[in-house]
Amino acid sequence: MLNPFIFVRQVRQEISKVTWPTRNETVITTIMVMIMVFVMALFFLGVDQVLSRIVRFILNVEG
C-alpha cells in the first residue's frame, strides 16, 4: 500500500518536470484552433449543402 504523503511528493516531482506553455504559445495555439474550427465549419457546411441537393434531386426524380 502506498503512503499518501509519498504519493503527493511523487506527484509534485512529476509536475515539476512538466514544461508549461508560455502565455504567447497559448494565445497562438488558441487562435490557430479557432481558425481551424471556422475552416472546418465552412467545409462541412459546403458538404452538407452538396449532399442535401443530391438527395433532393434523387427524391424529386423518383417522386
PDB file of N, CA and C in Angstrom:
ATOM      1  N   MET A   1       0.848  -1.184   0.000  1.00  0.00           N
ATOM      2  CA  MET A   1       0.000   0.000   0.000  1.00  0.00           C
ATOM      3  C   MET A   1       0.884   1.235   0.000  1.00  0.00           C
ATOM      4  N   LEU A   2       0.515   2.211  -0.804  1.00  0.00           N
ATOM      5  CA  LEU A   2       1.314   3.415  -0.946  1.00  0.00           C
ATOM      6  C   LEU A   2       0.892   4.458   0.078  1.00  0.00           C
ATOM      7  N   ASN A   3       1.872   5.028   0.723  1.00  0.00           N
ATOM      8  CA  ASN A   3       1.629   6.088   1.686  1.00  0.00           C
ATOM      9  C   ASN A   3       1.151   7.336   0.935  1.00  0.00           C
ATOM     10  N   PRO A   4       0.048   7.984   1.371  1.00  0.00           N
ATOM     11  CA  PRO A   4      -0.467   9.172   0.679  1.00  0.00           C
ATOM     12  C   PRO A   4       0.562  10.310   0.603  1.00  0.00           C
ATOM     13  N   PHE A   5       1.382  10.447   1.592  1.00  0.00           N
ATOM     14  CA  PHE A   5       2.383  11.514   1.593  1.00  0.00           C
ATOM     15  C   PHE A   5       3.459  11.259   0.531  1.00  0.00           C
ATOM     16  N   ILE A   6       3.827  10.013   0.378  1.00  0.00           N
ATOM     17  CA  ILE A   6       4.797   9.648  -0.659  1.00  0.00           C
ATOM     18  C   ILE A   6       4.181   9.900  -2.034  1.00  0.00           C
ATOM     19  N   PHE A   7       2.914   9.543  -2.162  1.00  0.00           N
ATOM     20  CA  PHE A   7       2.211   9.765  -3.433  1.00  0.00           C
ATOM     21  C   PHE A   7       2.204  11.255  -3.794  1.00  0.00           C
ATOM     22  N   VAL A   8       1.842  12.097  -2.835  1.00  0.00           N
ATOM     23  CA  VAL A   8       1.797  13.552  -3.078  1.00  0.00           C
ATOM     24  C   VAL A   8       3.183  14.057  -3.452  1.00  0.00           C
ATOM     25  N   ARG A   9       4.211  13.587  -2.798  1.00  0.00           N
ATOM     26  CA  ARG A   9       5.576  14.011  -3.110  1.00  0.00           C
ATOM     27  C   ARG A   9       5.957  13.604  -4.529  1.00  0.00           C
ATOM     28  N   GLN A  10       5.589  12.384  -4.905  1.00  0.00           N
ATOM     29  CA  GLN A  10       5.888  11.914  -6.258  1.00  0.00           C
ATOM     30  C   GLN A  10       5.125  12.723  -7.307  1.00  0.00           C
ATOM     31  N   VAL A  11       3.883  13.056  -7.015  1.00  0.00           N
ATOM     32  CA  VAL A  11       3.094  13.871  -7.947  1.00  0.00           C
ATOM     33  C   VAL A  11       3.741  15.235  -8.111  1.00  0.00           C
ATOM     34  N   ARG A  12       4.170  15.847  -7.043  1.00  0.00           N
ATOM     35  CA  ARG A  12       4.829  17.154  -7.128  1.00  0.00           C
ATOM     36  C   ARG A  12       6.119  17.071  -7.935  1.00  0.00           C
ATOM     37  N   GLN A  13       6.868  15.996  -7.759  1.00  0.00           N
ATOM     38  CA  GLN A  13       8.093  15.816  -8.535  1.00  0.00           C
ATOM     39  C   GLN A  13       7.785  15.706 -10.022  1.00  0.00           C
ATOM     40  N   GLU A  14       6.745  14.965 -10.367  1.00  0.00           N
ATOM     41  CA  GLU A  14       6.378  14.795 -11.775  1.00  0.00           C
ATOM     42  C   GLU A  14       5.857  16.105 -12.369  1.00  0.00           C
ATOM     43  N   ILE A  15       5.082  16.833 -11.594  1.00  0.00           N
ATOM     44  CA  ILE A  15       4.545  18.112 -12.084  1.00  0.00           C
ATOM     45  C   ILE A  15       5.675  19.103 -12.321  1.00  0.00           C
ATOM     46  N   SER A  16       6.711  19.039 -11.523  1.00  0.00           N
ATOM     47  CA  SER A  16       7.836  19.964 -11.717  1.00  0.00           C
ATOM     48  C   SER A  16       8.583  19.674 -13.020  1.00  0.00           C
ATOM     49  N   LYS A  17       8.426  18.478 -13.580  1.00  0.00           N
ATOM     50  CA  LYS A  17       9.087  18.116 -14.833  1.00  0.00           C
ATOM     51  C   LYS A  17       8.312  18.595 -16.064  1.00  0.00           C
ATOM     52  N   VAL A  18       7.056  18.984 -15.854  1.00  0.00           N
ATOM     53  CA  VAL A  18       6.198  19.395 -16.967  1.00  0.00           C
ATOM     54  C   VAL A  18       6.681  20.734 -17.520  1.00  0.00           C
ATOM     55  N   THR A  19       6.736  20.832 -18.838  1.00  0.00           N
ATOM     56  CA  THR A  19       7.072  22.102 -19.476  1.00  0.00           C
ATOM     57  C   THR A  19       5.765  22.800 -19.818  1.00  0.00           C
ATOM     58  N   TRP A  20       5.463  23.850 -19.095  1.00  0.00           N
ATOM     59  CA  TRP A  20       4.204  24.562 -19.286  1.00  0.00           C
ATOM     60  C   TRP A  20       4.346  25.562 -20.427  1.00  0.00           C
ATOM     61  N   PRO A  21       3.315  25.722 -21.254  1.00  0.00           N
ATOM     62  CA  PRO A  21       3.402  26.677 -22.366  1.00  0.00           C
ATOM     63  C   PRO A  21       3.389  28.115 -21.842  1.00  0.00           C
ATOM     64  N   THR A  22       4.042  28.976 -22.613  1.00  0.00           N
ATOM     65  CA  THR A  22       4.032  30.389 -22.249  1.00  0.00           C
ATOM     66  C   THR A  22       2.686  30.993 -22.632  1.00  0.00           C
ATOM     67  N   ARG A  23       2.444  32.195 -22.154  1.00  0.00           N
ATOM     68  CA  ARG A  23       1.182  32.870 -22.489  1.00  0.00           C
ATOM     69  C   ARG A  23       1.083  33.072 -23.998  1.00  0.00           C
ATOM     70  N   ASN A  24       2.195  33.446 -24.624  1.00  0.00           N
ATOM     71  CA  ASN A  24       2.209  33.674 -26.071  1.00  0.00           C
ATOM     72  C   ASN A  24       1.890  32.386 -26.833  1.00  0.00           C
ATOM     73  N   GLU A  25       2.468  31.267 -26.431  1.00  0.00           N
ATOM     74  CA  GLU A  25       2.179  29.982 -27.074  1.00  0.00           C
ATOM     75  C   GLU A  25       0.711  29.610 -26.918  1.00  0.00           C
ATOM     76  N   THR A  26       0.156  29.879 -25.752  1.00  0.00           N
ATOM     77  CA  THR A  26      -1.252  29.561 -25.507  1.00  0.00           C
ATOM     78  C   THR A  26      -2.161  30.404 -26.386  1.00  0.00           C
ATOM     79  N   VAL A  27      -1.858  31.690 -26.511  1.00  0.00           N
ATOM     80  CA  VAL A  27      -2.673  32.579 -27.343  1.00  0.00           C
ATOM     81  C   VAL A  27      -2.596  32.155 -28.805  1.00  0.00           C
ATOM     82  N   ILE A  28      -1.391  31.893 -29.302  1.00  0.00           N
ATOM     83  CA  ILE A  28      -1.219  31.496 -30.700  1.00  0.00           C
ATOM     84  C   ILE A  28      -1.940  30.177 -30.979  1.00  0.00           C
ATOM     85  N   THR A  29      -1.801  29.223 -30.090  1.00  0.00           N
ATOM     86  CA  THR A  29      -2.469  27.932 -30.270  1.00  0.00           C
ATOM     87  C   THR A  29      -3.985  28.095 -30.247  1.00  0.00           C
ATOM     88  N   THR A  30      -4.495  28.917 -29.365  1.00  0.00           N
ATOM     89  CA  THR A  30      -5.935  29.159 -29.294  1.00  0.00           C
ATOM     90  C   THR A  30      -6.445  29.785 -30.590  1.00  0.00           C
ATOM     91  N   ILE A  31      -5.719  30.758 -31.118  1.00  0.00           N
ATOM     92  CA  ILE A  31      -6.116  31.401 -32.379  1.00  0.00           C
ATOM     93  C   ILE A  31      -6.095  30.389 -33.515  1.00  0.00           C
ATOM     94  N   MET A  32      -5.068  29.549 -33.562  1.00  0.00           N
ATOM     95  CA  MET A  32      -4.986  28.526 -34.607  1.00  0.00           C
ATOM     96  C   MET A  32      -6.170  27.557 -34.519  1.00  0.00           C
ATOM     97  N   VAL A  33      -6.533  27.161 -33.320  1.00  0.00           N
ATOM     98  CA  VAL A  33      -7.665  26.248 -33.138  1.00  0.00           C
ATOM     99  C   VAL A  33      -8.953  26.916 -33.604  1.00  0.00           C
ATOM    100  N   MET A  34      -9.148  28.185 -33.258  1.00  0.00           N
ATOM    101  CA  MET A  34     -10.361  28.885 -33.676  1.00  0.00           C
ATOM    102  C   MET A  34     -10.435  29.005 -35.201  1.00  0.00           C
ATOM    103  N   ILE A  35      -9.310  29.273 -35.842  1.00  0.00           N
ATOM    104  CA  ILE A  35      -9.279  29.361 -37.307  1.00  0.00           C
ATOM    105  C   ILE A  35      -9.631  28.004 -37.917  1.00  0.00           C
ATOM    106  N   MET A  36      -9.051  26.932 -37.390  1.00  0.00           N
ATOM    107  CA  MET A  36      -9.340  25.601 -37.930  1.00  0.00           C
ATOM    108  C   MET A  36     -10.804  25.212 -37.712  1.00  0.00           C
ATOM    109  N   VAL A  37     -11.374  25.591 -36.581  1.00  0.00           N
ATOM    110  CA  VAL A  37     -12.789  25.312 -36.325  1.00  0.00           C
ATOM    111  C   VAL A  37     -13.642  26.042 -37.359  1.00  0.00           C
ATOM    112  N   PHE A  38     -13.312  27.303 -37.648  1.00  0.00           N
ATOM    113  CA  PHE A  38     -14.058  28.072 -38.638  1.00  0.00           C
ATOM    114  C   PHE A  38     -13.934  27.447 -40.025  1.00  0.00           C
ATOM    115  N   VAL A  39     -12.712  27.061 -40.415  1.00  0.00           N
ATOM    116  CA  VAL A  39     -12.489  26.449 -41.730  1.00  0.00           C
ATOM    117  C   VAL A  39     -13.251  25.136 -41.844  1.00  0.00           C
ATOM    118  N   MET A  40     -13.189  24.308 -40.809  1.00  0.00           N
ATOM    119  CA  MET A  40     -13.887  23.027 -40.853  1.00  0.00           C
ATOM    120  C   MET A  40     -15.406  23.222 -40.850  1.00  0.00           C
ATOM    121  N   ALA A  41     -15.898  24.248 -40.153  1.00  0.00           N
ATOM    122  CA  ALA A  41     -17.332  24.531 -40.171  1.00  0.00           C
ATOM    123  C   ALA A  41     -17.775  24.898 -41.578  1.00  0.00           C
ATOM    124  N   LEU A  42     -16.985  25.722 -42.266  1.00  0.00           N
ATOM    125  CA  LEU A  42     -17.310  26.070 -43.652  1.00  0.00           C
ATOM    126  C   LEU A  42     -17.260  24.844 -44.554  1.00  0.00           C
ATOM    127  N   PHE A  43     -16.268  23.998 -44.362  1.00  0.00           N
ATOM    128  CA  PHE A  43     -16.139  22.780 -45.161  1.00  0.00           C
ATOM    129  C   PHE A  43     -17.367  21.890 -44.994  1.00  0.00           C
ATOM    130  N   PHE A  44     -17.750  21.631 -43.738  1.00  0.00           N
ATOM    131  CA  PHE A  44     -18.892  20.749 -43.505  1.00  0.00           C
ATOM    132  C   PHE A  44     -20.205  21.397 -43.931  1.00  0.00           C
ATOM    133  N   LEU A  45     -20.300  22.715 -43.870  1.00  0.00           N
ATOM    134  CA  LEU A  45     -21.474  23.397 -44.405  1.00  0.00           C
ATOM    135  C   LEU A  45     -21.579  23.139 -45.904  1.00  0.00           C
ATOM    136  N   GLY A  46     -20.447  23.262 -46.601  1.00  0.00           N
ATOM    137  CA  GLY A  46     -20.434  23.007 -48.039  1.00  0.00           C
ATOM    138  C   GLY A  46     -20.790  21.572 -48.373  1.00  0.00           C
ATOM    139  N   VAL A  47     -20.209  20.630 -47.675  1.00  0.00           N
ATOM    140  CA  VAL A  47     -20.507  19.210 -47.907  1.00  0.00           C
ATOM    141  C   VAL A  47     -21.985  18.933 -47.629  1.00  0.00           C
ATOM    142  N   ASP A  48     -22.507  19.510 -46.565  1.00  0.00           N
ATOM    143  CA  ASP A  48     -23.915  19.314 -46.225  1.00  0.00           C
ATOM    144  C   ASP A  48     -24.826  19.872 -47.320  1.00  0.00           C
ATOM    145  N   GLN A  49     -24.475  21.033 -47.856  1.00  0.00           N
ATOM    146  CA  GLN A  49     -25.292  21.624 -48.917  1.00  0.00           C
ATOM    147  C   GLN A  49     -25.272  20.760 -50.175  1.00  0.00           C
ATOM    148  N   VAL A  50     -24.097  20.268 -50.538  1.00  0.00           N
ATOM    149  CA  VAL A  50     -23.976  19.424 -51.730  1.00  0.00           C
ATOM    150  C   VAL A  50     -24.777  18.134 -51.556  1.00  0.00           C
ATOM    151  N   LEU A  51     -24.601  17.460 -50.430  1.00  0.00           N
ATOM    152  CA  LEU A  51     -25.333  16.215 -50.184  1.00  0.00           C
ATOM    153  C   LEU A  51     -26.834  16.466 -50.119  1.00  0.00           C
ATOM    154  N   SER A  52     -27.241  17.574 -49.548  1.00  0.00           N
ATOM    155  CA  SER A  52     -28.657  17.913 -49.470  1.00  0.00           C
ATOM    156  C   SER A  52     -29.250  18.094 -50.862  1.00  0.00           C
ATOM    157  N   ARG A  53     -28.536  18.778 -51.733  1.00  0.00           N
ATOM    158  CA  ARG A  53     -29.028  18.966 -53.107  1.00  0.00           C
ATOM    159  C   ARG A  53     -29.080  17.645 -53.868  1.00  0.00           C
ATOM    160  N   ILE A  54     -28.104  16.790 -53.648  1.00  0.00           N
ATOM    161  CA  ILE A  54     -28.101  15.476 -54.303  1.00  0.00           C
ATOM    162  C   ILE A  54     -29.314  14.664 -53.859  1.00  0.00           C
ATOM    163  N   VAL A  55     -29.571  14.646 -52.559  1.00  0.00           N
ATOM    164  CA  VAL A  55     -30.707  13.885 -52.036  1.00  0.00           C
ATOM    165  C   VAL A  55     -32.013  14.461 -52.567  1.00  0.00           C
ATOM    166  N   ARG A  56     -32.143  15.815 -52.564  1.00  0.00           N
ATOM    167  CA  ARG A  56     -33.367  16.418 -53.104  1.00  0.00           C
ATOM    168  C   ARG A  56     -33.547  16.086 -54.575  1.00  0.00           C
ATOM    169  N   PHE A  57     -32.453  16.084 -55.351  1.00  0.00           N
ATOM    170  CA  PHE A  57     -32.531  15.748 -56.763  1.00  0.00           C
ATOM    171  C   PHE A  57     -33.000  14.306 -56.957  1.00  0.00           C
ATOM    172  N   ILE A  58     -32.412  13.396 -56.188  1.00  0.00           N
ATOM    173  CA  ILE A  58     -32.784  11.967 -56.306  1.00  0.00           C
ATOM    174  C   ILE A  58     -34.250  11.766 -55.922  1.00  0.00           C
ATOM    175  N   LEU A  59     -34.694  12.398 -54.867  1.00  0.00           N
ATOM    176  CA  LEU A  59     -36.078  12.223 -54.426  1.00  0.00           C
ATOM    177  C   LEU A  59     -37.066  12.857 -55.405  1.00  0.00           C
ATOM    178  N   ASN A  60     -36.708  13.965 -56.022  1.00  0.00           N
ATOM    179  CA  ASN A  60     -37.591  14.596 -56.999  1.00  0.00           C
ATOM    180  C   ASN A  60     -37.685  13.786 -58.279  1.00  0.00           C
ATOM    181  N   VAL A  61     -36.585  13.144 -58.695  1.00  0.00           N
ATOM    182  CA  VAL A  61     -36.581  12.333 -59.915  1.00  0.00           C
ATOM    183  C   VAL A  61     -37.472  11.112 -59.718  1.00  0.00           C
ATOM    184  N   GLU A  62     -37.367  10.462 -58.560  1.00  0.00           N
ATOM    185  CA  GLU A  62     -38.144   9.258 -58.310  1.00  0.00           C
ATOM    186  C   GLU A  62     -39.589   9.578 -57.993  1.00  0.00           C
ATOM    187  N   GLY A  63     -39.851  10.728 -57.412  1.00  0.00           N
ATOM    188  CA  GLY A  63     -41.194  11.059 -56.984  1.00  0.00           C
ATOM    189  C   GLY A  63     -41.962  11.648 -58.086  1.00  0.00           C
TER     190      GLY A  63
END
